[in-house]
N, C-alpha and C. Protein backbone atom coordinates (compact mmCIF):
# COMPACT_ATOMS: atom_id res chain seq x y z
N MET A 1 -11.09 15.38 -5.70
CA MET A 1 -10.47 14.30 -5.04
C MET A 1 -9.85 13.19 -5.87
N ALA A 2 -8.70 12.80 -5.64
CA ALA A 2 -7.96 11.93 -6.51
C ALA A 2 -8.45 10.45 -6.10
N PHE A 3 -8.51 9.50 -6.96
CA PHE A 3 -8.80 8.07 -6.65
C PHE A 3 -7.67 7.61 -5.77
N ARG A 4 -7.88 6.97 -4.69
CA ARG A 4 -6.82 6.49 -3.70
C ARG A 4 -6.82 5.03 -3.56
N VAL A 5 -5.74 4.32 -3.77
CA VAL A 5 -5.52 2.84 -3.45
C VAL A 5 -4.78 2.60 -2.32
N PHE A 6 -5.24 1.55 -1.50
CA PHE A 6 -4.25 1.08 -0.40
C PHE A 6 -3.88 -0.20 -1.03
N ILE A 7 -2.51 -0.38 -1.02
CA ILE A 7 -1.88 -1.66 -1.52
C ILE A 7 -1.18 -2.43 -0.25
N SER A 8 -2.10 -3.60 -0.21
CA SER A 8 -1.68 -4.38 0.90
C SER A 8 -0.75 -5.58 0.54
N HIS A 9 0.36 -5.78 1.26
CA HIS A 9 1.47 -6.72 0.62
C HIS A 9 2.28 -7.34 1.73
N SER A 10 3.15 -8.13 1.39
CA SER A 10 4.25 -8.53 2.27
C SER A 10 5.46 -7.75 1.81
N THR A 11 6.12 -7.61 2.89
CA THR A 11 7.51 -6.92 2.72
C THR A 11 8.36 -7.82 1.82
N ASP A 12 8.20 -8.95 1.59
CA ASP A 12 8.93 -9.98 0.89
C ASP A 12 8.59 -9.45 -0.64
N ASP A 13 7.65 -8.74 -0.99
CA ASP A 13 7.23 -8.31 -2.42
C ASP A 13 7.44 -6.89 -2.60
N LEU A 14 8.30 -6.19 -1.97
CA LEU A 14 8.46 -4.94 -2.22
C LEU A 14 8.70 -4.47 -3.50
N GLY A 15 9.71 -5.26 -4.09
CA GLY A 15 10.23 -4.82 -5.62
C GLY A 15 8.73 -4.84 -6.46
N LEU A 16 8.11 -5.81 -6.27
CA LEU A 16 6.88 -5.77 -7.26
C LEU A 16 5.85 -4.83 -6.87
N VAL A 17 5.75 -4.50 -5.63
CA VAL A 17 4.77 -3.58 -5.08
C VAL A 17 5.21 -2.30 -5.43
N TYR A 18 6.48 -1.73 -5.51
CA TYR A 18 6.87 -0.42 -5.89
C TYR A 18 6.62 -0.45 -7.52
N ARG A 19 6.88 -1.21 -8.17
CA ARG A 19 6.60 -1.10 -9.54
C ARG A 19 5.14 -0.96 -9.86
N LEU A 20 4.12 -1.76 -9.08
CA LEU A 20 2.86 -1.51 -9.09
C LEU A 20 2.40 0.02 -8.65
N LYS A 21 2.85 0.46 -7.64
CA LYS A 21 2.94 1.86 -7.05
C LYS A 21 3.08 2.74 -8.23
N ASP A 22 4.37 2.76 -8.72
CA ASP A 22 4.87 3.49 -9.81
C ASP A 22 3.87 3.57 -10.87
N TRP A 23 3.40 2.60 -11.45
CA TRP A 23 2.45 2.40 -12.54
C TRP A 23 1.25 3.07 -12.15
N LEU A 24 0.72 2.89 -11.01
CA LEU A 24 -0.64 3.52 -10.67
C LEU A 24 -0.50 5.04 -10.44
N GLU A 25 0.60 5.41 -9.97
CA GLU A 25 0.81 6.74 -9.88
C GLU A 25 1.03 7.58 -11.38
N VAL A 26 1.63 6.97 -12.18
CA VAL A 26 1.89 7.59 -13.49
C VAL A 26 0.53 7.70 -14.09
N ASN A 27 -0.53 6.89 -13.71
CA ASN A 27 -1.72 6.82 -14.43
C ASN A 27 -2.70 7.59 -13.49
N GLY A 28 -2.22 8.56 -12.69
CA GLY A 28 -3.01 9.42 -11.88
C GLY A 28 -3.90 8.84 -10.76
N ILE A 29 -3.35 7.62 -10.05
CA ILE A 29 -3.97 7.10 -8.96
C ILE A 29 -3.07 7.27 -7.81
N GLU A 30 -3.64 7.80 -6.70
CA GLU A 30 -2.76 8.00 -5.46
C GLU A 30 -2.57 6.66 -4.78
N THR A 31 -1.49 6.26 -4.43
CA THR A 31 -1.22 4.92 -3.78
C THR A 31 -0.86 5.35 -2.16
N TYR A 32 -1.03 4.15 -1.31
CA TYR A 32 -0.67 4.26 -0.07
C TYR A 32 0.13 2.87 0.28
N LEU A 33 1.25 3.10 0.72
CA LEU A 33 2.25 1.88 1.13
C LEU A 33 2.59 2.39 2.66
N ALA A 34 2.68 1.51 3.41
CA ALA A 34 3.22 2.18 5.11
C ALA A 34 4.62 2.21 4.82
N GLU A 35 5.37 1.61 4.07
CA GLU A 35 6.83 1.85 3.89
C GLU A 35 7.10 3.34 3.27
N ALA A 36 6.16 3.78 2.47
CA ALA A 36 6.28 5.07 1.81
C ALA A 36 5.76 6.29 2.74
N HIS A 37 5.11 5.99 3.75
CA HIS A 37 4.52 7.06 4.51
C HIS A 37 4.83 6.86 6.06
N PRO A 38 6.05 6.99 6.53
CA PRO A 38 6.31 6.87 7.66
C PRO A 38 5.87 7.90 8.50
N GLN A 39 5.21 7.39 9.85
CA GLN A 39 4.55 8.47 10.79
C GLN A 39 5.22 7.85 12.07
N PRO A 40 6.25 8.45 12.67
CA PRO A 40 6.69 7.98 13.92
C PRO A 40 5.76 8.46 14.95
N GLY A 41 5.76 7.43 15.89
CA GLY A 41 4.76 7.72 17.04
C GLY A 41 3.17 7.37 16.76
N ILE A 42 2.94 6.73 15.61
CA ILE A 42 1.63 6.31 15.32
C ILE A 42 1.80 4.66 15.31
N SER A 43 1.09 3.95 15.71
CA SER A 43 1.23 2.53 15.60
C SER A 43 0.99 1.93 14.19
N LEU A 44 1.56 0.90 13.89
CA LEU A 44 1.26 0.46 12.43
C LEU A 44 -0.14 0.18 12.21
N ALA A 45 -0.72 -0.65 13.20
CA ALA A 45 -2.18 -0.87 13.02
C ALA A 45 -3.09 0.39 12.89
N ASP A 46 -2.81 1.32 13.49
CA ASP A 46 -3.70 2.71 13.19
C ASP A 46 -3.33 3.31 12.09
N LYS A 47 -2.02 3.28 11.66
CA LYS A 47 -1.65 3.99 10.31
C LYS A 47 -2.38 3.19 9.33
N ILE A 48 -2.42 1.96 9.27
CA ILE A 48 -3.02 1.25 8.24
C ILE A 48 -4.51 1.31 8.09
N SER A 49 -5.16 1.22 9.32
CA SER A 49 -6.52 1.55 9.60
C SER A 49 -6.92 2.68 8.99
N ASN A 50 -6.31 3.80 9.19
CA ASN A 50 -6.74 5.08 8.73
C ASN A 50 -6.53 5.32 7.30
N ALA A 51 -5.41 4.66 6.76
CA ALA A 51 -5.25 4.52 5.36
C ALA A 51 -6.14 3.83 4.55
N ILE A 52 -6.79 2.55 5.07
CA ILE A 52 -7.67 1.89 4.46
C ILE A 52 -9.14 2.81 4.43
N ASN A 53 -9.41 3.20 5.63
CA ASN A 53 -10.70 4.13 5.57
C ASN A 53 -10.68 5.21 4.52
N GLN A 54 -9.48 5.91 4.37
CA GLN A 54 -9.30 7.19 3.46
C GLN A 54 -9.18 6.56 1.95
N SER A 55 -9.07 5.25 1.67
CA SER A 55 -9.01 4.77 0.22
C SER A 55 -10.31 4.59 -0.41
N ASN A 56 -10.26 4.54 -1.58
CA ASN A 56 -11.45 4.17 -2.68
C ASN A 56 -11.27 2.64 -2.88
N CYS A 57 -10.21 2.08 -2.73
CA CYS A 57 -10.08 0.87 -3.25
C CYS A 57 -8.87 -0.09 -2.30
N LEU A 58 -8.81 -1.16 -2.21
CA LEU A 58 -7.77 -2.04 -1.69
C LEU A 58 -7.27 -2.92 -2.71
N ILE A 59 -5.93 -2.96 -3.08
CA ILE A 59 -5.49 -4.03 -3.73
C ILE A 59 -4.44 -4.94 -2.90
N ALA A 60 -4.80 -6.17 -2.91
CA ALA A 60 -4.18 -7.17 -2.06
C ALA A 60 -3.20 -8.08 -3.09
N VAL A 61 -1.93 -7.80 -2.84
CA VAL A 61 -0.94 -8.37 -3.71
C VAL A 61 -0.59 -9.80 -2.90
N LEU A 62 -1.04 -11.02 -3.67
CA LEU A 62 -0.86 -12.22 -3.02
C LEU A 62 0.19 -12.96 -3.91
N THR A 63 1.19 -13.36 -3.26
CA THR A 63 2.22 -14.08 -3.83
C THR A 63 2.88 -15.32 -3.15
N ARG A 64 3.48 -16.14 -3.74
CA ARG A 64 4.01 -17.32 -2.98
C ARG A 64 5.02 -16.84 -1.89
N ASP A 65 5.77 -15.73 -2.13
CA ASP A 65 6.52 -15.20 -1.02
C ASP A 65 5.74 -14.60 0.21
N GLY A 66 4.66 -13.94 -0.36
CA GLY A 66 3.74 -13.17 0.55
C GLY A 66 3.14 -14.30 1.56
N THR A 67 2.63 -15.53 1.25
CA THR A 67 2.01 -16.51 1.89
C THR A 67 2.97 -16.97 2.97
N ARG A 68 4.30 -17.04 2.67
CA ARG A 68 5.13 -17.46 3.58
C ARG A 68 5.83 -16.70 4.79
N SER A 69 5.16 -15.40 4.77
CA SER A 69 5.72 -14.29 5.60
C SER A 69 4.61 -14.26 6.81
């Protein structure tokens, strides 16, 4: 089973977050971003809760832009 990381972020930081996601995946780590895993019909809260529960680690991306959102 691969190591899986949930990335918590603000949509204001998507450029940075996608670069982080790409770097982690190049290094063999599975990532979860809600934007990259659309699941129509499932509430965002349920989707996020399930993804966190299935992850080994959570990375919180905290930036100035994120604190304003």
